[in-house]
């Protein structure tokens, strides 16, 4: 089997985890509101700094108590370290449990995971970017791709399923149009195509498998990964959306062997031809 061809000049597509972590947003307009929306969906603790709240959506989220902290004033350099306090440098070669707890606290409660700037001041935006870089923080300056460590893409979200379409900063509008095309052609809004339940059920099976085979050695990990991959491919999308807890337990009982292909035959598939992604 040939190795995949390298296609350079892309972005490294990651699902960045900011749950319960501080994120700084500078700006009070519609772009800032969009950034805050996506951050709240990821359970981030958002600190907003802006001399004026222009966006009605942003004001709504502030009034609703969704943000961790709001400062209606001009940005200050000290804002990038507002939660850090006095630093303690542990012995990194001999870390003990108290050191792990300190580092967890530093990451979760005292340091910004991301910095996002959405203001109409190019000089200040550039300054904030380089201040963040000096402090080792990942930053995004809206609409200035060279000053972005990461991009926002167009998102398709259905429960735990998230699909991001990125043009690597070339054309956010085109990414949005392609997003709408994917929703239409792949039937994500079709009530018969329960994508959120598909992801939920396979996620439950993975969790049950990890509980049954909890080894962290390479053999156990590879065994779990190969088995769940084969089983996922074995049944149709409709079958995965319709299985119940008893089906998942029955499937798991066959581990490490594969369950029979007809195990879920009682779940009759609907016509899924409309879910093909063909663009004329």
C-alpha atoms as a PDB file:
ATOM      1  CA  UNK A   1       0.000   0.000   0.000  1.00  0.00           C
ATOM      2  CA  UNK A   2       1.591   3.349  -1.018  1.00  0.00           C
ATOM      3  CA  UNK A   3       2.188   6.000   1.592  1.00  0.00           C
ATOM      4  CA  UNK A   4      -0.019   9.124   1.421  1.00  0.00           C
ATOM      5  CA  UNK A   5       1.351  11.943  -0.679  1.00  0.00           C
ATOM      6  CA  UNK A   6       2.551  15.029   1.174  1.00  0.00           C
ATOM      7  CA  UNK A   7       0.525  18.132   0.239  1.00  0.00           C
ATOM      8  CA  UNK A   8       2.305  21.106   1.871  1.00  0.00           C
ATOM      9  CA  UNK A   9       0.954  24.591   2.662  1.00  0.00           C
ATOM     10  CA  UNK A  10      -2.062  23.344   4.595  1.00  0.00           C
ATOM     11  CA  UNK A  11      -3.022  24.025   8.207  1.00  0.00           C
ATOM     12  CA  UNK A  12      -2.749  21.445  10.963  1.00  0.00           C
ATOM     13  CA  UNK A  13      -6.416  20.745  11.640  1.00  0.00           C
ATOM     14  CA  UNK A  14      -6.941  20.166  15.361  1.00  0.00           C
ATOM     15  CA  UNK A  15      -9.840  20.108  17.789  1.00  0.00           C
ATOM     16  CA  UNK A  16      -8.395  22.608  20.264  1.00  0.00           C
ATOM     17  CA  UNK A  17      -9.532  21.952  23.846  1.00  0.00           C
ATOM     18  CA  UNK A  18     -10.302  25.165  25.752  1.00  0.00           C
ATOM     19  CA  UNK A  19     -12.879  23.789  28.171  1.00  0.00           C
ATOM     20  CA  UNK A  20     -12.624  25.664  31.493  1.00  0.00           C
ATOM     21  CA  UNK A  21      -9.572  27.570  30.246  1.00  0.00           C
ATOM     22  CA  UNK A  22      -9.168  31.328  30.079  1.00  0.00           C
ATOM     23  CA  UNK A  23      -9.402  32.964  26.645  1.00  0.00           C
ATOM     24  CA  UNK A  24      -8.944  36.695  26.044  1.00  0.00           C
ATOM     25  CA  UNK A  25     -11.046  38.519  23.438  1.00  0.00           C
ATOM     26  CA  UNK A  26     -10.262  42.155  22.649  1.00  0.00           C
ATOM     27  CA  UNK A  27     -13.070  43.929  20.792  1.00  0.00           C
ATOM     28  CA  UNK A  28     -16.743  44.722  21.127  1.00  0.00           C
ATOM     29  CA  UNK A  29     -18.150  44.384  17.601  1.00  0.00           C
ATOM     30  CA  UNK A  30     -19.740  41.657  15.498  1.00  0.00           C
ATOM     31  CA  UNK A  31     -16.489  39.813  14.797  1.00  0.00           C
ATOM     32  CA  UNK A  32     -15.755  39.667  18.510  1.00  0.00           C
ATOM     33  CA  UNK A  33     -19.307  38.398  19.074  1.00  0.00           C
ATOM     34  CA  UNK A  34     -18.697  35.578  16.580  1.00  0.00           C
ATOM     35  CA  UNK A  35     -15.448  34.652  18.337  1.00  0.00           C
ATOM     36  CA  UNK A  36     -17.177  34.631  21.719  1.00  0.00           C
ATOM     37  CA  UNK A  37     -19.983  32.434  20.355  1.00  0.00           C
ATOM     38  CA  UNK A  38     -17.549  29.752  19.202  1.00  0.00           C
ATOM     39  CA  UNK A  39     -15.544  29.956  22.430  1.00  0.00           C
ATOM     40  CA  UNK A  40     -18.633  29.528  24.593  1.00  0.00           C
ATOM     41  CA  UNK A  41     -19.623  26.496  22.535  1.00  0.00           C
ATOM     42  CA  UNK A  42     -16.244  25.059  23.541  1.00  0.00           C
ATOM     43  CA  UNK A  43     -16.861  25.866  27.245  1.00  0.00           C
ATOM     44  CA  UNK A  44     -14.062  28.433  27.455  1.00  0.00           C
ATOM     45  CA  UNK A  45     -13.861  31.022  30.244  1.00  0.00           C
ATOM     46  CA  UNK A  46     -14.013  34.182  28.168  1.00  0.00           C
ATOM     47  CA  UNK A  47     -12.568  37.501  29.308  1.00  0.00           C
ATOM     48  CA  UNK A  48     -13.707  40.394  27.097  1.00  0.00           C
ATOM     49  CA  UNK A  49     -12.004  43.776  26.911  1.00  0.00           C
ATOM     50  CA  UNK A  50     -13.463  46.609  24.806  1.00  0.00           C
ATOM     51  CA  UNK A  51     -13.939  50.359  25.246  1.00  0.00           C
ATOM     52  CA  UNK A  52     -17.502  49.937  23.988  1.00  0.00           C
ATOM     53  CA  UNK A  53     -19.885  47.014  23.426  1.00  0.00           C
ATOM     54  CA  UNK A  54     -21.286  47.625  19.948  1.00  0.00           C
ATOM     55  CA  UNK A  55     -22.686  44.187  19.116  1.00  0.00           C
ATOM     56  CA  UNK A  56     -26.208  43.444  20.358  1.00  0.00           C
ATOM     57  CA  UNK A  57     -25.371  39.722  20.443  1.00  0.00           C
ATOM     58  CA  UNK A  58     -22.341  40.409  22.603  1.00  0.00           C
ATOM     59  CA  UNK A  59     -24.386  42.582  24.950  1.00  0.00           C
ATOM     60  CA  UNK A  60     -26.977  39.804  25.193  1.00  0.00           C
ATOM     61  CA  UNK A  61     -24.330  37.279  26.229  1.00  0.00           C
ATOM     62  CA  UNK A  62     -22.899  39.711  28.770  1.00  0.00           C
ATOM     63  CA  UNK A  63     -26.357  40.347  30.254  1.00  0.00           C
ATOM     64  CA  UNK A  64     -26.947  36.593  30.310  1.00  0.00           C
ATOM     65  CA  UNK A  65     -23.831  36.065  32.409  1.00  0.00           C
ATOM     66  CA  UNK A  66     -22.144  33.861  29.820  1.00  0.00           C
ATOM     67  CA  UNK A  67     -18.723  35.517  30.021  1.00  0.00           C
ATOM     68  CA  UNK A  68     -16.207  35.000  32.800  1.00  0.00           C
ATOM     69  CA  UNK A  69     -15.159  38.674  32.990  1.00  0.00           C
ATOM     70  CA  UNK A  70     -15.966  41.868  31.068  1.00  0.00           C
ATOM     71  CA  UNK A  71     -13.831  45.018  31.158  1.00  0.00           C
ATOM     72  CA  UNK A  72     -15.421  47.977  29.352  1.00  0.00           C
ATOM     73  CA  UNK A  73     -12.245  49.996  28.879  1.00  0.00           C
ATOM     74  CA  UNK A  74      -9.198  50.246  26.651  1.00  0.00           C
ATOM     75  CA  UNK A  75      -6.800  47.320  26.395  1.00  0.00           C
ATOM     76  CA  UNK A  76      -3.724  47.330  28.638  1.00  0.00           C
ATOM     77  CA  UNK A  77      -0.531  45.312  28.217  1.00  0.00           C
ATOM     78  CA  UNK A  78      -0.986  43.824  31.685  1.00  0.00           C
ATOM     79  CA  UNK A  79      -4.256  42.248  30.519  1.00  0.00           C
ATOM     80  CA  UNK A  80      -2.323  39.376  28.914  1.00  0.00           C
ATOM     81  CA  UNK A  81      -1.163  38.247  32.358  1.00  0.00           C
ATOM     82  CA  UNK A  82      -4.064  39.471  34.486  1.00  0.00           C
ATOM     83  CA  UNK A  83      -4.654  36.076  36.142  1.00  0.00           C
ATOM     84  CA  UNK A  84      -1.086  34.803  36.461  1.00  0.00           C
ATOM     85  CA  UNK A  85       0.210  36.252  39.727  1.00  0.00           C
ATOM     86  CA  UNK A  86       3.708  35.397  40.943  1.00  0.00           C
ATOM     87  CA  UNK A  87       5.310  32.570  38.988  1.00  0.00           C
ATOM     88  CA  UNK A  88       6.864  29.567  40.693  1.00  0.00           C
ATOM     89  CA  UNK A  89       9.293  27.521  38.618  1.00  0.00           C
ATOM     90  CA  UNK A  90       9.253  23.847  39.668  1.00  0.00           C
ATOM     91  CA  UNK A  91      12.120  21.429  39.145  1.00  0.00           C
ATOM     92  CA  UNK A  92      11.038  20.149  35.728  1.00  0.00           C
ATOM     93  CA  UNK A  93      13.445  17.206  35.879  1.00  0.00           C
ATOM     94  CA  UNK A  94      11.910  15.903  39.108  1.00  0.00           C
ATOM     95  CA  UNK A  95       8.222  16.706  39.037  1.00  0.00           C
ATOM     96  CA  UNK A  96       6.100  15.477  41.957  1.00  0.00           C
ATOM     97  CA  UNK A  97       2.329  15.421  42.481  1.00  0.00           C
ATOM     98  CA  UNK A  98       2.245  18.958  43.999  1.00  0.00           C
ATOM     99  CA  UNK A  99       4.089  20.211  40.903  1.00  0.00           C
ATOM    100  CA  UNK A 100       1.496  18.594  38.622  1.00  0.00           C
ATOM    101  CA  UNK A 101      -1.263  20.277  40.639  1.00  0.00           C
ATOM    102  CA  UNK A 102       0.500  23.644  40.371  1.00  0.00           C
ATOM    103  CA  UNK A 103       0.959  23.308  36.597  1.00  0.00           C
ATOM    104  CA  UNK A 104      -2.687  22.256  36.171  1.00  0.00           C
ATOM    105  CA  UNK A 105      -3.763  25.324  38.123  1.00  0.00           C
ATOM    106  CA  UNK A 106      -1.451  27.540  36.072  1.00  0.00           C
ATOM    107  CA  UNK A 107      -2.850  26.225  32.780  1.00  0.00           C
ATOM    108  CA  UNK A 108      -6.504  26.067  33.796  1.00  0.00           C
ATOM    109  CA  UNK A 109      -6.895  29.110  36.019  1.00  0.00           C
ATOM    110  CA  UNK A 110      -4.076  31.600  35.505  1.00  0.00           C
ATOM    111  CA  UNK A 111      -2.896  31.645  31.902  1.00  0.00           C
ATOM    112  CA  UNK A 112      -4.719  32.465  28.668  1.00  0.00           C
ATOM    113  CA  UNK A 113      -4.988  29.516  26.308  1.00  0.00           C
ATOM    114  CA  UNK A 114      -5.777  31.826  23.368  1.00  0.00           C
ATOM    115  CA  UNK A 115      -5.797  35.544  22.578  1.00  0.00           C
ATOM    116  CA  UNK A 116      -8.229  36.890  19.973  1.00  0.00           C
ATOM    117  CA  UNK A 117      -8.238  40.472  18.735  1.00  0.00           C
ATOM    118  CA  UNK A 118     -11.059  42.009  16.679  1.00  0.00           C
ATOM    119  CA  UNK A 119     -10.590  45.787  16.623  1.00  0.00           C
ATOM    120  CA  UNK A 120     -10.306  48.487  13.954  1.00  0.00           C
ATOM    121  CA  UNK A 121      -6.814  49.528  14.994  1.00  0.00           C
ATOM    122  CA  UNK A 122      -4.073  47.841  12.963  1.00  0.00           C
ATOM    123  CA  UNK A 123      -1.237  49.355  15.000  1.00  0.00           C
ATOM    124  CA  UNK A 124      -2.656  48.207  18.342  1.00  0.00           C
ATOM    125  CA  UNK A 125      -3.642  44.818  16.882  1.00  0.00           C
ATOM    126  CA  UNK A 126      -0.063  44.222  15.721  1.00  0.00           C
ATOM    127  CA  UNK A 127       1.265  45.301  19.101  1.00  0.00           C
ATOM    128  CA  UNK A 128      -1.021  42.893  20.971  1.00  0.00           C
ATOM    129  CA  UNK A 129      -0.008  40.056  18.655  1.00  0.00           C
ATOM    130  CA  UNK A 130       3.693  40.489  19.336  1.00  0.00           C
ATOM    131  CA  UNK A 131       3.113  40.983  23.042  1.00  0.00           C
ATOM    132  CA  UNK A 132       1.245  37.664  23.071  1.00  0.00           C
ATOM    133  CA  UNK A 133       3.991  35.956  21.098  1.00  0.00           C
ATOM    134  CA  UNK A 134       6.648  37.188  23.518  1.00  0.00           C
ATOM    135  CA  UNK A 135       4.656  35.616  26.352  1.00  0.00           C
ATOM    136  CA  UNK A 136       4.243  32.345  24.436  1.00  0.00           C
ATOM    137  CA  UNK A 137       0.505  32.811  23.838  1.00  0.00           C
ATOM    138  CA  UNK A 138      -1.338  31.741  20.692  1.00  0.00           C
ATOM    139  CA  UNK A 139      -3.014  34.716  19.020  1.00  0.00           C
ATOM    140  CA  UNK A 140      -5.444  35.500  16.214  1.00  0.00           C
ATOM    141  CA  UNK A 141      -5.808  39.014  14.773  1.00  0.00           C
ATOM    142  CA  UNK A 142      -9.061  39.223  12.817  1.00  0.00           C
ATOM    143  CA  UNK A 143      -8.705  39.706   9.052  1.00  0.00           C
ATOM    144  CA  UNK A 144      -4.882  39.836   9.134  1.00  0.00           C
ATOM    145  CA  UNK A 145      -3.773  36.292   8.168  1.00  0.00           C
ATOM    146  CA  UNK A 146      -0.027  36.909   8.734  1.00  0.00           C
ATOM    147  CA  UNK A 147      -0.861  37.743  12.355  1.00  0.00           C
ATOM    148  CA  UNK A 148      -2.805  34.556  13.005  1.00  0.00           C
ATOM    149  CA  UNK A 149      -1.438  31.441  14.694  1.00  0.00           C
ATOM    150  CA  UNK A 150      -4.741  29.758  13.904  1.00  0.00           C
ATOM    151  CA  UNK A 151      -7.770  30.414  11.719  1.00  0.00           C
ATOM    152  CA  UNK A 152     -11.483  30.113  12.314  1.00  0.00           C
ATOM    153  CA  UNK A 153     -13.338  28.029   9.746  1.00  0.00           C
ATOM    154  CA  UNK A 154     -16.948  27.494   8.746  1.00  0.00           C
ATOM    155  CA  UNK A 155     -18.456  24.937  11.134  1.00  0.00           C
ATOM    156  CA  UNK A 156     -21.085  22.257  10.685  1.00  0.00           C
ATOM    157  CA  UNK A 157     -22.225  21.276  14.183  1.00  0.00           C
ATOM    158  CA  UNK A 158     -24.618  18.464  15.009  1.00  0.00           C
ATOM    159  CA  UNK A 159     -24.288  17.429  18.632  1.00  0.00           C
ATOM    160  CA  UNK A 160     -20.802  16.034  19.207  1.00  0.00           C
ATOM    161  CA  UNK A 161     -20.051  16.023  15.482  1.00  0.00           C
ATOM    162  CA  UNK A 162     -18.107  19.056  14.300  1.00  0.00           C
ATOM    163  CA  UNK A 163     -16.886  19.522  10.737  1.00  0.00           C
ATOM    164  CA  UNK A 164     -14.710  22.511   9.914  1.00  0.00           C
ATOM    165  CA  UNK A 165     -14.158  23.867   6.419  1.00  0.00           C
ATOM    166  CA  UNK A 166     -11.066  26.035   6.071  1.00  0.00           C
ATOM    167  CA  UNK A 167      -9.547  27.865   3.121  1.00  0.00           C
ATOM    168  CA  UNK A 168      -6.413  28.596   5.167  1.00  0.00           C
ATOM    169  CA  UNK A 169      -7.384  32.238   5.465  1.00  0.00           C
ATOM    170  CA  UNK A 170      -7.886  32.742   1.714  1.00  0.00           C
ATOM    171  CA  UNK A 171     -11.654  33.098   1.567  1.00  0.00           C
ATOM    172  CA  UNK A 172     -13.809  32.747   4.703  1.00  0.00           C
ATOM    173  CA  UNK A 173     -16.919  33.489   2.631  1.00  0.00           C
ATOM    174  CA  UNK A 174     -16.211  30.560   0.293  1.00  0.00           C
ATOM    175  CA  UNK A 175     -15.724  28.292   3.311  1.00  0.00           C
ATOM    176  CA  UNK A 176     -19.199  29.364   4.492  1.00  0.00           C
ATOM    177  CA  UNK A 177     -20.746  28.590   1.090  1.00  0.00           C
ATOM    178  CA  UNK A 178     -19.116  25.157   1.017  1.00  0.00           C
ATOM    179  CA  UNK A 179     -20.413  24.549   4.540  1.00  0.00           C
ATOM    180  CA  UNK A 180     -23.975  25.192   3.366  1.00  0.00           C
ATOM    181  CA  UNK A 181     -23.426  22.891   0.391  1.00  0.00           C
ATOM    182  CA  UNK A 182     -22.246  20.077   2.651  1.00  0.00           C
ATOM    183  CA  UNK A 183     -25.289  20.474   4.901  1.00  0.00           C
ATOM    184  CA  UNK A 184     -27.588  20.310   1.881  1.00  0.00           C
ATOM    185  CA  UNK A 185     -25.900  17.471  -0.007  1.00  0.00           C
ATOM    186  CA  UNK A 186     -25.038  15.289   2.985  1.00  0.00           C
ATOM    187  CA  UNK A 187     -28.493  15.533   4.519  1.00  0.00           C
ATOM    188  CA  UNK A 188     -27.354  16.735   7.937  1.00  0.00           C
ATOM    189  CA  UNK A 189     -30.768  18.334   8.523  1.00  0.00           C
ATOM    190  CA  UNK A 190     -32.722  15.276   7.325  1.00  0.00           C
ATOM    191  CA  UNK A 191     -34.676  13.893  10.345  1.00  0.00           C
ATOM    192  CA  UNK A 192     -33.933  10.335   9.124  1.00  0.00           C
ATOM    193  CA  UNK A 193     -30.186  10.987   9.215  1.00  0.00           C
ATOM    194  CA  UNK A 194     -29.600  11.291  12.974  1.00  0.00           C
ATOM    195  CA  UNK A 195     -25.929  12.204  12.871  1.00  0.00           C
ATOM    196  CA  UNK A 196     -25.827  13.302  16.530  1.00  0.00           C
ATOM    197  CA  UNK A 197     -27.155   9.911  17.652  1.00  0.00           C
ATOM    198  CA  UNK A 198     -24.652   8.109  15.421  1.00  0.00           C
ATOM    199  CA  UNK A 199     -21.740   9.908  17.061  1.00  0.00           C
ATOM    200  CA  UNK A 200     -23.235   9.504  20.540  1.00  0.00           C
ATOM    201  CA  UNK A 201     -23.731   5.731  20.158  1.00  0.00           C
ATOM    202  CA  UNK A 202     -20.261   5.044  18.788  1.00  0.00           C
ATOM    203  CA  UNK A 203     -18.830   7.245  21.547  1.00  0.00           C
ATOM    204  CA  UNK A 204     -20.680   5.162  24.142  1.00  0.00           C
ATOM    205  CA  UNK A 205     -19.302   1.959  22.645  1.00  0.00           C
ATOM    206  CA  UNK A 206     -15.747   3.350  22.756  1.00  0.00           C
ATOM    207  CA  UNK A 207     -16.190   4.316  26.425  1.00  0.00           C
ATOM    208  CA  UNK A 208     -17.552   0.850  27.251  1.00  0.00           C
ATOM    209  CA  UNK A 209     -14.616  -0.740  25.428  1.00  0.00           C
ATOM    210  CA  UNK A 210     -12.060   1.357  27.333  1.00  0.00           C
ATOM    211  CA  UNK A 211     -13.717   0.276  30.589  1.00  0.00           C
ATOM    212  CA  UNK A 212     -13.586  -3.374  29.590  1.00  0.00           C
ATOM    213  CA  UNK A 213     -10.037  -3.233  28.236  1.00  0.00           C
ATOM    214  CA  UNK A 214      -8.373  -0.537  30.330  1.00  0.00           C
ATOM    215  CA  UNK A 215      -4.726  -1.366  29.671  1.00  0.00           C
ATOM    216  CA  UNK A 216      -2.491   1.527  28.596  1.00  0.00           C
ATOM    217  CA  UNK A 217       0.213  -0.641  27.041  1.00  0.00           C
ATOM    218  CA  UNK A 218       0.726  -0.459  23.295  1.00  0.00           C
ATOM    219  CA  UNK A 219      -0.867  -3.857  22.667  1.00  0.00           C
ATOM    220  CA  UNK A 220      -4.091  -2.947  24.484  1.00  0.00           C
ATOM    221  CA  UNK A 221      -4.325   0.463  22.832  1.00  0.00           C
ATOM    222  CA  UNK A 222      -3.789  -0.962  19.327  1.00  0.00           C
ATOM    223  CA  UNK A 223      -6.290  -3.739  19.999  1.00  0.00           C
ATOM    224  CA  UNK A 224      -8.979  -1.260  21.064  1.00  0.00           C
ATOM    225  CA  UNK A 225      -8.319   1.056  18.133  1.00  0.00           C
ATOM    226  CA  UNK A 226      -8.373  -1.678  15.491  1.00  0.00           C
ATOM    227  CA  UNK A 227     -11.484  -3.331  16.904  1.00  0.00           C
ATOM    228  CA  UNK A 228     -13.558  -0.126  17.183  1.00  0.00           C
ATOM    229  CA  UNK A 229     -12.460   0.924  13.693  1.00  0.00           C
ATOM    230  CA  UNK A 230     -13.588  -2.389  12.162  1.00  0.00           C
ATOM    231  CA  UNK A 231     -16.865  -2.438  14.067  1.00  0.00           C
ATOM    232  CA  UNK A 232     -17.666   1.163  13.127  1.00  0.00           C
ATOM    233  CA  UNK A 233     -17.276   0.301   9.435  1.00  0.00           C
ATOM    234  CA  UNK A 234     -19.355  -2.866   9.765  1.00  0.00           C
ATOM    235  CA  UNK A 235     -22.791  -1.278  10.143  1.00  0.00           C
ATOM    236  CA  UNK A 236     -24.686   1.411   8.278  1.00  0.00           C
ATOM    237  CA  UNK A 237     -25.159   4.971   9.480  1.00  0.00           C
ATOM    238  CA  UNK A 238     -28.847   4.314  10.021  1.00  0.00           C
ATOM    239  CA  UNK A 239     -28.110   1.218  12.108  1.00  0.00           C
ATOM    240  CA  UNK A 240     -25.704   3.176  14.300  1.00  0.00           C
ATOM    241  CA  UNK A 241     -28.322   5.888  14.807  1.00  0.00           C
ATOM    242  CA  UNK A 242     -30.964   3.340  15.872  1.00  0.00           C
ATOM    243  CA  UNK A 243     -28.991   1.057  18.228  1.00  0.00           C
ATOM    244  CA  UNK A 244     -29.834   1.033  21.911  1.00  0.00           C
ATOM    245  CA  UNK A 245     -27.834   0.256  25.027  1.00  0.00           C
ATOM    246  CA  UNK A 246     -28.623  -3.451  24.733  1.00  0.00           C
ATOM    247  CA  UNK A 247     -27.248  -3.541  21.177  1.00  0.00           C
ATOM    248  CA  UNK A 248     -24.016  -1.867  22.275  1.00  0.00           C
ATOM    249  CA  UNK A 249     -23.541  -4.385  25.088  1.00  0.00           C
ATOM    250  CA  UNK A 250     -24.208  -7.241  22.669  1.00  0.00           C
ATOM    251  CA  UNK A 251     -21.646  -5.885  20.204  1.00  0.00           C
ATOM    252  CA  UNK A 252     -19.061  -5.470  22.968  1.00  0.00           C
ATOM    253  CA  UNK A 253     -19.558  -9.054  24.173  1.00  0.00           C
ATOM    254  CA  UNK A 254     -17.838 -10.252  20.995  1.00  0.00           C
ATOM    255  CA  UNK A 255     -14.570  -8.429  21.736  1.00  0.00           C
ATOM    256  CA  UNK A 256     -11.822  -9.186  20.727  1.00  0.00           C
ATOM    257  CA  UNK A 257     -13.630 -10.994  17.898  1.00  0.00           C
ATOM    258  CA  UNK A 258     -15.786  -9.145  15.392  1.00  0.00           C
ATOM    259  CA  UNK A 259     -19.562  -9.312  15.863  1.00  0.00           C
ATOM    260  CA  UNK A 260     -21.555 -10.854  12.999  1.00  0.00           C
ATOM    261  CA  UNK A 261     -22.469  -8.522  10.159  1.00  0.00           C
ATOM    262  CA  UNK A 262     -26.160  -9.369  10.512  1.00  0.00           C
ATOM    263  CA  UNK A 263     -26.257  -8.614  14.240  1.00  0.00           C
ATOM    264  CA  UNK A 264     -28.156  -5.372  13.581  1.00  0.00           C
ATOM    265  CA  UNK A 265     -30.138  -6.686  10.626  1.00  0.00           C
ATOM    266  CA  UNK A 266     -33.400  -5.965  12.451  1.00  0.00           C
ATOM    267  CA  UNK A 267     -32.609  -2.278  11.997  1.00  0.00           C
ATOM    268  CA  UNK A 268     -33.750  -1.804   8.398  1.00  0.00           C
ATOM    269  CA  UNK A 269     -31.932   1.005   6.552  1.00  0.00           C
ATOM    270  CA  UNK A 270     -33.914   3.763   4.814  1.00  0.00           C
ATOM    271  CA  UNK A 271     -33.081   5.130   1.410  1.00  0.00           C
ATOM    272  CA  UNK A 272     -29.740   6.886   1.942  1.00  0.00           C
ATOM    273  CA  UNK A 273     -29.103   7.665  -1.719  1.00  0.00           C
ATOM    274  CA  UNK A 274     -29.850  11.326  -1.061  1.00  0.00           C
ATOM    275  CA  UNK A 275     -26.861  11.470   1.278  1.00  0.00           C
ATOM    276  CA  UNK A 276     -24.332  11.140  -1.538  1.00  0.00           C
ATOM    277  CA  UNK A 277     -22.126  14.158  -2.028  1.00  0.00           C
ATOM    278  CA  UNK A 278     -22.233  14.790  -5.732  1.00  0.00           C
ATOM    279  CA  UNK A 279     -22.129  18.326  -7.059  1.00  0.00           C
ATOM    280  CA  UNK A 280     -23.284  18.894 -10.615  1.00  0.00           C
END
